[in-house]
Amino acid sequence: MKFTKTYSTSRRKFLKTAAASTLACNYLPSHIFGANGRVHVASIGVGGKGSSDVMGADKHGGKIVALCDVDLNRGSRIIDYFTESDSKVKVYQDFRKMLEEMDKDIDAVTVSTPDHVHAPASLLAMSLGKHCYCQKPLTWSVEESRLMTKVAEEKNLITQMGNQAHAGEPIRRAVELIRAGIIGDVTEAHVMTNRPIWPQGMEKYPAKADIPKGLDWDLWLGPAPKRHFAKGVLPFSWRGWWDYGTGALGDMACHIMDMAWWAVELGAPDTVEAESGGNTAVSPPKWSIVTYQFPERCKKPPVTLKWYDGKDGDEPVVPPKELWEGIELYKRDKDGKAKGSSKFGSILVGTKGTLYFNRGSTNFVIKHKNGTTTTGEKGYLDFVKEGFKAPEPFIPRTKDEDFEWINAIKNAGHPPQSNFSLAGPFSETVLLGNVAIRLGEKIKWDAENLKAVGQPKADQYIRRKYRKGWELAV
């Protein structure tokens, strides 16, 4: 990464050294984590979701030593909480300056910024040997996810993507049951969300407005193209602009596509195609259906995974009715309109039955090929009459994702299950859906070379151009 002309020569030299060190020897911690030792954590993005990420790290053994947010007003609650109790906690608006000045005092970072800054912040921190927790989606672009995986492995770092339910019992138990064959070999997966719940499908960028006090707008833009500040972008609706966010798919698929992708060990898709409504050059669509085709794996059959988001008119875009006949997919109001999100975020179709799954509950519903339906723990254990034996748990259990990450750093506990070696390839798959949406064509995917075969126009959506001064540190 390089800095703009407003930065000093010493800082440019620092970043050049940091980038060069990426492939060097592995990280040696600044602190020895004894029985009472704490992991020194710096947090990048502390307003909104970032506030709970900071508090989670603090709760489970992280010592917060620095806080960084481009909007000091939005981050003020967390900033005040930590600085009032510890005057040594330092506050920054520019994560680059923070990492330069506090390099020797930081063991790990949390990154909870908008999507477009995930990779620049995380890769710089990891290039300096910092363990990294990064919110979902792991990155803005497909290529960035590949780089995050590569650097984490090369530096031997403890990493975690923030898709919280991955650490919970429902997903981990569902993965165990599906791999044990509770519905046979999975051939289809259907995953749905009620997002977006912010505007999408805009035709043009909104008019210029005054920059709010306390916000450094240029730092907020980071690697994205230079634009004027406008209402309708902050604090939440940035997800609906391609320059900064990844739309409904990027926001929710790393949460609710997670179980199916992990359980069936899908890897990279062969092809991806999308249909959508309202997609524009500047904004993701109002609704989309993305179809991923995965090849045969270890004698397991090919799998079709379909993603559904948004509304077409007043009704949510959902899988075909025959897939959920007899199952209440949505609660409805007195006028019959769907309320909130679907009761089941995923439907997995196997050779022996269909599983309906919600990431917040172990009350799984299974429709068996013999016509019976079972629900919950007793239901799937009773499935022994069909020749199924529920396995003993084989995935490590944890209190929550923050504990899993901090504990692995401090005590050499089992690696977080959503570490970048898993979260990176998974995020690549998710974000390929956006490539298909934006390209408007079916993609034949060459995962090894990060290429859409015979479609050079797709490159602009697989990789991004970085604003001068914000190039990646690798």
Protein backbone atom coordinates (compact mmCIF):
# COMPACT_ATOMS: atom_id res chain seq x y z
CA MET A 1 0.00 0.00 0.00
CA LYS A 2 1.14 3.53 -0.72
CA PHE A 3 0.03 6.79 0.82
CA THR A 4 -1.10 10.00 -0.81
CA LYS A 5 1.20 13.02 -1.04
CA THR A 6 -0.18 14.45 2.18
CA TYR A 7 1.59 11.68 4.13
CA SER A 8 5.20 11.73 5.23
CA THR A 9 8.10 9.94 3.61
CA SER A 10 8.56 7.87 6.76
CA ARG A 11 5.02 6.55 6.52
CA ARG A 12 5.47 5.61 2.88
CA LYS A 13 8.66 3.78 3.85
CA PHE A 14 6.79 2.03 6.66
CA LEU A 15 4.10 0.71 4.33
CA LYS A 16 6.63 -0.38 1.73
CA THR A 17 8.40 -2.38 4.41
CA ALA A 18 5.10 -3.83 5.63
CA ALA A 19 4.15 -4.99 2.15
CA ALA A 20 7.54 -6.56 1.58
CA SER A 21 7.32 -8.43 4.88
CA THR A 22 4.13 -10.28 3.91
CA LEU A 23 6.02 -13.34 2.71
CA ALA A 24 8.59 -13.18 5.45
CA CYS A 25 8.77 -15.17 8.68
CA ASN A 26 5.67 -15.83 10.75
CA TYR A 27 4.32 -13.59 13.46
CA LEU A 28 5.87 -13.50 16.92
CA PRO A 29 3.47 -11.95 19.46
CA SER A 30 4.34 -8.74 21.25
CA HIS A 31 3.07 -10.21 24.48
CA ILE A 32 3.26 -13.56 26.24
CA PHE A 33 -0.23 -14.77 27.03
CA GLY A 34 0.11 -16.31 30.48
CA ALA A 35 -2.75 -17.31 32.75
CA ASN A 36 -3.69 -13.65 33.23
CA GLY A 37 -2.33 -12.30 29.96
CA ARG A 38 -4.61 -10.49 27.55
CA VAL A 39 -4.47 -10.23 23.78
CA HIS A 40 -3.83 -6.61 22.76
CA VAL A 41 -6.58 -5.74 20.28
CA ALA A 42 -7.05 -2.73 18.01
CA SER A 43 -10.49 -2.26 16.47
CA ILE A 44 -11.12 -0.71 13.05
CA GLY A 45 -14.72 0.47 12.74
CA VAL A 46 -16.39 0.75 16.13
CA GLY A 47 -19.82 2.20 15.36
CA GLY A 48 -22.80 0.03 14.43
CA LYS A 49 -21.91 -3.68 14.27
CA GLY A 50 -18.34 -2.82 15.18
CA SER A 51 -19.41 -1.92 18.70
CA SER A 52 -20.45 -5.50 19.51
CA ASP A 53 -17.26 -6.86 17.92
CA VAL A 54 -15.15 -4.65 20.20
CA MET A 55 -17.17 -5.63 23.26
CA GLY A 56 -16.96 -9.32 22.34
CA ALA A 57 -13.18 -9.19 22.09
CA ASP A 58 -12.97 -7.35 25.40
CA LYS A 59 -15.31 -9.80 27.14
CA HIS A 60 -13.31 -12.88 26.20
CA GLY A 61 -9.78 -11.79 27.03
CA GLY A 62 -8.84 -9.06 24.61
CA LYS A 63 -7.33 -5.86 25.97
CA ILE A 64 -8.53 -2.98 23.80
CA VAL A 65 -5.52 -0.75 23.17
CA ALA A 66 -6.71 1.31 20.18
CA LEU A 67 -9.96 2.30 18.51
CA CYS A 68 -10.30 3.60 14.98
CA ASP A 69 -13.34 5.04 13.23
CA VAL A 70 -13.62 7.57 10.42
CA ASP A 71 -16.80 8.89 12.10
CA LEU A 72 -15.97 9.94 15.64
CA ASN A 73 -19.59 10.76 16.39
CA ARG A 74 -20.92 7.36 15.35
CA GLY A 75 -18.15 5.62 17.24
CA SER A 76 -18.37 7.89 20.29
CA ARG A 77 -20.26 5.50 22.56
CA ILE A 78 -17.59 2.80 22.36
CA ILE A 79 -14.74 5.32 22.30
CA ASP A 80 -16.03 7.00 25.46
CA TYR A 81 -16.62 3.66 27.19
CA PHE A 82 -13.00 2.52 26.79
CA THR A 83 -11.13 5.83 27.03
CA GLU A 84 -12.91 6.87 30.21
CA SER A 85 -11.88 3.65 31.94
CA ASP A 86 -8.37 3.53 30.46
CA SER A 87 -6.63 6.74 29.45
CA LYS A 88 -3.98 4.75 27.56
CA VAL A 89 -6.47 3.59 24.89
CA LYS A 90 -5.63 5.55 21.75
CA VAL A 91 -8.15 6.84 19.23
CA TYR A 92 -7.61 7.22 15.47
CA GLN A 93 -9.57 7.99 12.33
CA ASP A 94 -7.05 6.44 9.93
CA PHE A 95 -6.25 2.76 10.48
CA ARG A 96 -3.01 3.15 8.49
CA LYS A 97 -1.69 5.68 10.97
CA MET A 98 -2.82 3.52 13.88
CA LEU A 99 -1.01 0.45 12.60
CA GLU A 100 2.14 2.47 11.91
CA GLU A 101 2.29 4.10 15.32
CA MET A 102 1.14 1.14 17.41
CA ASP A 103 2.60 -1.78 15.51
CA LYS A 104 4.54 -3.11 18.53
CA ASP A 105 1.56 -2.72 20.88
CA ILE A 106 -1.01 -4.66 18.85
CA ASP A 107 -1.45 -8.44 18.65
CA ALA A 108 -4.77 -8.60 16.81
CA VAL A 109 -7.34 -6.46 15.00
CA THR A 110 -11.06 -6.49 14.48
CA VAL A 111 -12.29 -5.04 11.17
CA SER A 112 -15.93 -3.97 11.12
CA THR A 113 -15.99 -1.36 8.38
CA PRO A 114 -18.19 -1.20 5.27
CA ASP A 115 -17.40 -3.98 2.79
CA HIS A 116 -15.08 -1.97 0.53
CA VAL A 117 -12.54 -1.39 3.33
CA HIS A 118 -12.43 -4.97 4.69
CA ALA A 119 -9.51 -6.11 2.54
CA PRO A 120 -7.35 -2.96 2.68
CA ALA A 121 -7.55 -2.85 6.49
CA SER A 122 -7.27 -6.60 7.10
CA LEU A 123 -4.43 -7.21 4.64
CA LEU A 124 -2.38 -4.34 6.02
CA ALA A 125 -2.85 -5.64 9.56
CA MET A 126 -2.05 -9.23 8.57
CA SER A 127 1.02 -8.14 6.60
CA LEU A 128 2.29 -6.79 9.93
CA GLY A 129 1.58 -10.11 11.63
CA LYS A 130 -1.68 -9.25 13.37
CA HIS A 131 -4.32 -11.90 13.98
CA CYS A 132 -7.51 -10.79 12.28
CA TYR A 133 -11.26 -10.90 12.86
CA CYS A 134 -13.13 -9.45 9.87
CA GLN A 135 -16.84 -9.00 9.45
CA LYS A 136 -18.76 -10.69 6.65
CA PRO A 137 -18.68 -10.63 3.71
CA LEU A 138 -14.97 -11.19 4.06
CA THR A 139 -14.23 -8.81 1.20
CA TRP A 140 -15.77 -6.62 -1.48
CA SER A 141 -14.23 -8.55 -4.40
CA VAL A 142 -13.52 -12.17 -5.29
CA GLU A 143 -9.79 -11.53 -5.70
CA GLU A 144 -9.57 -9.92 -2.27
CA SER A 145 -10.99 -13.07 -0.66
CA ARG A 146 -8.28 -15.14 -2.35
CA LEU A 147 -5.61 -12.76 -1.04
CA MET A 148 -7.01 -12.85 2.51
CA THR A 149 -6.81 -16.65 2.50
CA LYS A 150 -3.27 -16.63 1.11
CA VAL A 151 -1.81 -14.08 3.53
CA ALA A 152 -3.46 -15.63 6.61
CA GLU A 153 -1.92 -18.99 5.73
CA GLU A 154 1.52 -17.60 4.90
CA LYS A 155 1.69 -15.64 8.15
CA ASN A 156 0.23 -18.48 10.24
CA LEU A 157 -2.39 -16.19 11.79
CA ILE A 158 -5.54 -16.88 13.81
CA THR A 159 -8.40 -15.53 11.74
CA GLN A 160 -12.18 -15.39 11.89
CA MET A 161 -14.90 -14.10 9.58
CA GLY A 162 -17.81 -12.60 11.47
CA ASN A 163 -20.73 -14.81 10.46
CA GLN A 164 -21.94 -15.33 14.00
CA ALA A 165 -24.24 -18.34 13.60
CA HIS A 166 -21.32 -20.42 12.30
CA ALA A 167 -20.26 -20.70 15.95
CA GLY A 168 -23.70 -21.82 17.15
CA GLU A 169 -25.17 -25.25 17.80
CA PRO A 170 -27.81 -25.23 15.01
CA ILE A 171 -25.33 -24.92 12.14
CA ARG A 172 -22.70 -27.20 13.62
CA ARG A 173 -25.23 -29.92 14.42
CA ALA A 174 -26.87 -29.62 11.00
CA VAL A 175 -23.47 -30.01 9.32
CA GLU A 176 -22.82 -33.19 11.31
CA LEU A 177 -26.21 -34.68 10.51
CA ILE A 178 -26.07 -33.89 6.80
CA ARG A 179 -22.57 -35.31 6.45
CA ALA A 180 -23.79 -38.42 8.26
CA GLY A 181 -26.46 -38.83 5.58
CA ILE A 182 -29.68 -37.83 7.33
CA ILE A 183 -31.24 -36.87 3.97
CA GLY A 184 -28.91 -38.96 1.82
CA ASP A 185 -26.75 -37.27 -0.81
CA VAL A 186 -27.68 -33.61 -1.21
CA THR A 187 -28.51 -32.64 -4.79
CA GLU A 188 -30.14 -29.23 -4.33
CA ALA A 189 -29.92 -26.35 -1.86
CA HIS A 190 -32.26 -23.35 -1.80
CA VAL A 191 -31.36 -20.36 0.37
CA MET A 192 -33.49 -17.24 0.86
CA THR A 193 -33.51 -13.88 2.63
CA ASN A 194 -35.87 -10.94 3.03
CA ARG A 195 -33.02 -8.49 2.34
CA PRO A 196 -32.55 -5.87 1.05
CA ILE A 197 -34.19 -3.81 3.77
CA TRP A 198 -32.41 -0.70 2.44
CA PRO A 199 -32.88 0.93 -1.00
CA GLN A 200 -31.41 -0.83 -4.04
CA GLY A 201 -31.88 -0.47 -7.77
CA MET A 202 -31.12 3.28 -7.87
CA GLU A 203 -30.39 4.72 -11.29
CA LYS A 204 -27.88 7.38 -10.25
CA TYR A 205 -25.83 8.57 -7.33
CA PRO A 206 -27.68 11.11 -5.11
CA ALA A 207 -27.02 14.85 -4.96
CA LYS A 208 -24.21 16.43 -3.00
CA ALA A 209 -24.84 17.21 0.66
CA ASP A 210 -22.89 18.68 3.56
CA ILE A 211 -20.48 16.31 5.28
CA PRO A 212 -21.59 15.64 8.87
CA LYS A 213 -19.37 16.95 11.63
CA GLY A 214 -16.96 14.33 12.93
CA LEU A 215 -16.90 12.31 9.68
CA ASP A 216 -13.75 12.20 7.54
CA TRP A 217 -15.46 11.46 4.23
CA ASP A 218 -12.25 10.96 2.26
CA LEU A 219 -11.09 8.30 4.74
CA TRP A 220 -14.54 6.68 4.62
CA LEU A 221 -14.25 6.37 0.82
CA GLY A 222 -10.87 4.68 1.22
CA PRO A 223 -10.14 2.59 -1.89
CA ALA A 224 -13.43 3.46 -3.63
CA PRO A 225 -13.66 6.08 -6.40
CA LYS A 226 -13.70 9.70 -5.29
CA ARG A 227 -17.30 10.96 -4.94
CA HIS A 228 -19.06 13.75 -3.12
CA PHE A 229 -20.83 13.04 0.16
CA ALA A 230 -24.54 12.37 -0.31
CA LYS A 231 -27.50 11.53 1.88
CA GLY A 232 -28.75 8.00 1.45
CA VAL A 233 -25.32 6.42 1.80
CA LEU A 234 -24.55 6.55 5.53
CA PRO A 235 -24.86 5.08 8.06
CA PHE A 236 -26.49 1.90 6.69
CA SER A 237 -27.59 2.29 3.08
CA TRP A 238 -24.05 2.07 1.66
CA ARG A 239 -24.90 -1.62 1.12
CA GLY A 240 -27.09 -0.54 -1.78
CA TRP A 241 -24.24 1.07 -3.76
CA TRP A 242 -21.82 -1.07 -5.75
CA ASP A 243 -18.81 1.12 -4.93
CA TYR A 244 -19.08 0.31 -1.22
CA GLY A 245 -21.36 -2.65 -0.63
CA THR A 246 -22.22 -6.05 -2.02
CA GLY A 247 -26.01 -5.85 -1.84
CA ALA A 248 -28.38 -8.32 -0.25
CA LEU A 249 -26.26 -11.28 -1.39
CA GLY A 250 -23.09 -9.97 0.24
CA ASP A 251 -24.91 -8.94 3.39
CA MET A 252 -26.72 -12.21 4.12
CA ALA A 253 -25.32 -15.13 2.12
CA CYS A 254 -22.26 -15.49 4.37
CA HIS A 255 -24.79 -16.02 7.16
CA ILE A 256 -27.45 -18.23 5.62
CA MET A 257 -25.73 -19.95 2.69
CA ASP A 258 -23.06 -20.99 5.16
CA MET A 259 -24.62 -24.19 6.47
CA ALA A 260 -25.32 -25.71 3.06
CA TRP A 261 -21.92 -24.81 1.60
CA TRP A 262 -20.06 -26.08 4.67
CA ALA A 263 -22.13 -29.23 5.22
CA VAL A 264 -22.01 -30.45 1.62
CA GLU A 265 -18.36 -29.37 1.17
CA LEU A 266 -19.20 -27.65 -2.08
CA GLY A 267 -15.94 -25.85 -2.89
CA ALA A 268 -15.89 -23.69 -6.02
CA PRO A 269 -18.76 -23.73 -8.53
CA ASP A 270 -18.44 -24.69 -12.18
CA THR A 271 -20.96 -22.10 -13.35
CA VAL A 272 -22.92 -19.17 -11.93
CA GLU A 273 -25.85 -17.37 -13.48
CA ALA A 274 -28.34 -14.82 -12.22
CA GLU A 275 -31.67 -13.25 -12.98
CA SER A 276 -32.59 -10.03 -11.25
CA GLY A 277 -34.80 -6.99 -11.25
CA GLY A 278 -33.57 -3.41 -10.96
CA ASN A 279 -29.82 -3.93 -11.19
CA THR A 280 -28.03 -0.77 -12.38
CA ALA A 281 -24.47 0.38 -12.96
CA VAL A 282 -24.37 2.00 -9.51
CA SER A 283 -26.71 -0.12 -7.41
CA PRO A 284 -27.47 -3.82 -6.78
CA PRO A 285 -30.86 -5.20 -7.84
CA LYS A 286 -34.15 -5.02 -5.98
CA TRP A 287 -34.36 -8.82 -6.19
CA SER A 288 -32.26 -11.63 -7.55
CA ILE A 289 -32.10 -15.38 -8.04
CA VAL A 290 -28.57 -16.71 -8.38
CA THR A 291 -27.92 -20.29 -9.51
CA TYR A 292 -24.62 -21.97 -8.66
CA GLN A 293 -23.76 -25.34 -10.22
CA PHE A 294 -21.22 -27.42 -8.29
CA PRO A 295 -19.46 -30.45 -9.73
CA GLU A 296 -19.31 -34.02 -8.44
CA ARG A 297 -17.07 -34.25 -5.37
CA CYS A 298 -15.59 -37.45 -3.87
CA LYS A 299 -18.27 -39.60 -5.50
CA LYS A 300 -20.99 -37.23 -4.28
CA PRO A 301 -23.41 -36.03 -6.97
CA PRO A 302 -23.37 -32.55 -8.50
CA VAL A 303 -25.33 -29.93 -6.56
CA THR A 304 -27.46 -27.01 -7.68
CA LEU A 305 -27.56 -24.18 -5.13
CA LYS A 306 -30.03 -21.36 -5.66
CA TRP A 307 -30.07 -18.05 -3.80
CA TYR A 308 -33.20 -15.87 -3.52
CA ASP A 309 -33.40 -12.28 -2.23
CA GLY A 310 -35.70 -9.26 -2.29
CA LYS A 311 -39.29 -8.80 -3.36
CA ASP A 312 -40.95 -8.90 -6.74
CA GLY A 313 -43.84 -6.54 -6.03
CA ASP A 314 -45.18 -7.20 -2.52
CA GLU A 315 -44.17 -10.85 -2.31
CA PRO A 316 -40.71 -12.14 -1.35
CA VAL A 317 -38.77 -14.03 -4.02
CA VAL A 318 -38.78 -17.65 -2.82
CA PRO A 319 -38.15 -21.19 -4.12
CA PRO A 320 -40.85 -22.97 -6.15
CA LYS A 321 -43.95 -23.83 -4.12
CA GLU A 322 -43.56 -27.59 -4.57
CA LEU A 323 -40.39 -27.46 -2.46
CA TRP A 324 -42.26 -26.22 0.62
CA GLU A 325 -45.77 -27.60 0.14
CA GLY A 326 -47.24 -28.14 3.61
CA ILE A 327 -44.50 -26.08 5.28
CA GLU A 328 -45.19 -22.58 6.61
CA LEU A 329 -42.40 -20.65 4.96
CA TYR A 330 -43.48 -17.16 6.13
CA LYS A 331 -45.69 -15.85 8.86
CA ARG A 332 -48.32 -13.60 7.36
CA ASP A 333 -50.32 -10.61 8.58
CA LYS A 334 -54.12 -10.37 8.60
CA ASP A 335 -54.06 -9.30 4.95
CA GLY A 336 -52.02 -12.35 3.95
CA LYS A 337 -48.77 -10.46 3.30
CA ALA A 338 -45.49 -12.11 4.30
CA LYS A 339 -44.05 -10.75 7.54
CA GLY A 340 -40.32 -10.48 8.24
CA SER A 341 -37.86 -13.12 7.17
CA SER A 342 -38.71 -16.70 6.24
CA LYS A 343 -39.09 -19.27 9.03
CA PHE A 344 -36.60 -21.48 7.19
CA GLY A 345 -33.59 -19.83 5.54
CA SER A 346 -32.47 -23.02 3.80
CA ILE A 347 -34.08 -26.00 2.08
CA LEU A 348 -31.75 -28.90 1.30
CA VAL A 349 -32.99 -31.65 -1.00
CA GLY A 350 -31.36 -35.07 -0.69
CA THR A 351 -31.84 -38.54 -2.08
CA LYS A 352 -33.65 -39.62 1.13
CA GLY A 353 -35.56 -36.49 2.07
CA THR A 354 -35.69 -32.71 2.39
CA LEU A 355 -34.39 -30.70 5.35
CA TYR A 356 -35.78 -27.27 6.33
CA PHE A 357 -33.32 -25.25 8.36
CA ASN A 358 -33.23 -22.01 10.35
CA ARG A 359 -29.81 -20.97 11.65
CA GLY A 360 -31.32 -19.93 14.97
CA SER A 361 -32.82 -23.29 15.95
CA THR A 362 -32.07 -27.00 16.19
CA ASN A 363 -35.76 -27.63 15.59
CA PHE A 364 -35.01 -29.01 12.14
CA VAL A 365 -37.89 -30.21 9.97
CA ILE A 366 -37.32 -33.20 7.68
CA LYS A 367 -39.75 -34.52 5.08
CA HIS A 368 -38.74 -38.10 4.39
CA LYS A 369 -39.16 -39.94 1.12
CA ASN A 370 -41.58 -42.31 2.85
CA GLY A 371 -44.02 -39.42 3.31
CA THR A 372 -43.46 -38.81 7.03
CA THR A 373 -42.30 -35.51 8.55
CA THR A 374 -40.12 -35.27 11.67
CA THR A 375 -39.25 -32.19 13.68
CA GLY A 376 -36.51 -31.38 16.13
CA GLU A 377 -34.07 -33.50 18.13
CA LYS A 378 -36.48 -36.38 18.79
CA GLY A 379 -37.58 -36.34 15.18
CA TYR A 380 -34.19 -36.86 13.64
CA LEU A 381 -33.14 -39.38 16.27
CA ASP A 382 -36.29 -41.37 15.51
CA PHE A 383 -35.14 -41.54 11.89
CA VAL A 384 -33.15 -44.69 12.82
CA LYS A 385 -36.04 -46.70 11.41
CA GLU A 386 -34.88 -45.48 8.01
CA GLY A 387 -31.37 -46.77 8.71
CA PHE A 388 -29.92 -43.47 9.97
CA LYS A 389 -27.76 -43.26 13.08
CA ALA A 390 -27.24 -39.75 14.44
CA PRO A 391 -23.49 -39.20 14.94
CA GLU A 392 -21.82 -38.04 18.10
CA PRO A 393 -20.71 -34.38 17.77
CA PHE A 394 -17.40 -34.12 15.92
CA ILE A 395 -17.17 -30.36 15.31
CA PRO A 396 -15.71 -28.46 18.30
CA ARG A 397 -18.28 -26.42 20.24
CA THR A 398 -17.65 -22.92 21.53
CA LYS A 399 -19.30 -20.15 23.55
CA ASP A 400 -19.45 -17.76 20.60
CA GLU A 401 -17.27 -16.59 17.72
CA ASP A 402 -15.47 -13.91 19.74
CA PHE A 403 -14.44 -16.45 22.38
CA GLU A 404 -13.36 -18.91 19.70
CA TRP A 405 -11.05 -16.33 18.09
CA ILE A 406 -9.53 -14.83 21.25
CA ASN A 407 -9.15 -18.25 22.91
CA ALA A 408 -7.30 -19.64 19.89
CA ILE A 409 -4.85 -16.71 20.01
CA LYS A 410 -4.34 -16.79 23.77
CA ASN A 411 -4.45 -20.48 24.59
CA ALA A 412 -3.69 -22.21 21.29
CA GLY A 413 -7.25 -23.52 21.32
CA HIS A 414 -8.81 -25.15 18.28
CA PRO A 415 -8.78 -22.77 15.28
CA PRO A 416 -11.98 -20.81 14.68
CA GLN A 417 -14.21 -22.84 12.38
CA SER A 418 -14.86 -19.78 10.21
CA ASN A 419 -11.16 -18.99 9.76
CA PHE A 420 -10.03 -17.56 6.46
CA SER A 421 -9.02 -20.95 5.02
CA LEU A 422 -12.76 -21.73 4.97
CA ALA A 423 -14.24 -18.22 4.90
CA GLY A 424 -12.06 -17.10 1.99
CA PRO A 425 -13.15 -19.75 -0.53
CA PHE A 426 -16.73 -19.48 0.74
CA SER A 427 -16.72 -15.70 0.24
CA GLU A 428 -15.33 -16.17 -3.28
CA THR A 429 -18.33 -18.36 -4.06
CA VAL A 430 -20.81 -15.89 -2.58
CA LEU A 431 -19.33 -12.89 -4.39
CA LEU A 432 -19.35 -14.70 -7.74
CA GLY A 433 -23.10 -14.24 -7.60
CA ASN A 434 -22.56 -10.49 -7.82
CA VAL A 435 -20.20 -10.96 -10.75
CA ALA A 436 -22.98 -12.84 -12.59
CA ILE A 437 -25.55 -10.20 -11.64
CA ARG A 438 -23.40 -7.33 -12.86
CA LEU A 439 -22.16 -9.08 -15.99
CA GLY A 440 -25.66 -10.20 -16.94
CA GLU A 441 -24.32 -13.47 -18.36
CA LYS A 442 -23.77 -17.03 -17.22
CA ILE A 443 -20.23 -17.51 -15.95
CA LYS A 444 -18.07 -20.59 -16.47
CA TRP A 445 -15.69 -20.30 -13.54
CA ASP A 446 -11.96 -21.10 -13.58
CA ALA A 447 -11.27 -21.04 -9.83
CA GLU A 448 -7.55 -21.75 -10.12
CA ASN A 449 -6.94 -18.67 -12.23
CA LEU A 450 -9.76 -16.47 -10.89
CA LYS A 451 -11.22 -16.09 -14.36
CA ALA A 452 -14.61 -16.26 -16.02
CA VAL A 453 -13.69 -18.39 -19.04
CA GLY A 454 -13.89 -16.40 -22.29
CA GLN A 455 -15.47 -13.37 -20.56
CA PRO A 456 -12.83 -10.65 -20.05
CA LYS A 457 -15.56 -8.13 -19.19
CA ALA A 458 -16.07 -10.02 -15.94
CA ASP A 459 -12.57 -9.09 -14.71
CA GLN A 460 -13.72 -5.63 -13.60
CA TYR A 461 -16.14 -7.31 -11.16
CA ILE A 462 -13.73 -10.01 -9.99
CA ARG A 463 -11.03 -7.46 -9.11
CA ARG A 464 -11.24 -3.83 -8.30
CA LYS A 465 -9.18 -0.74 -9.11
CA TYR A 466 -8.01 1.06 -5.98
CA ARG A 467 -7.97 4.78 -5.55
CA LYS A 468 -4.43 6.16 -5.50
CA GLY A 469 -2.99 5.85 -2.03
CA TRP A 470 -5.19 2.87 -1.11
CA GLU A 471 -3.57 0.00 -3.01
CA LEU A 472 -3.41 -3.27 -1.10
CA ALA A 473 -0.43 -4.03 1.11
CA VAL A 474 0.33 -7.30 -0.71
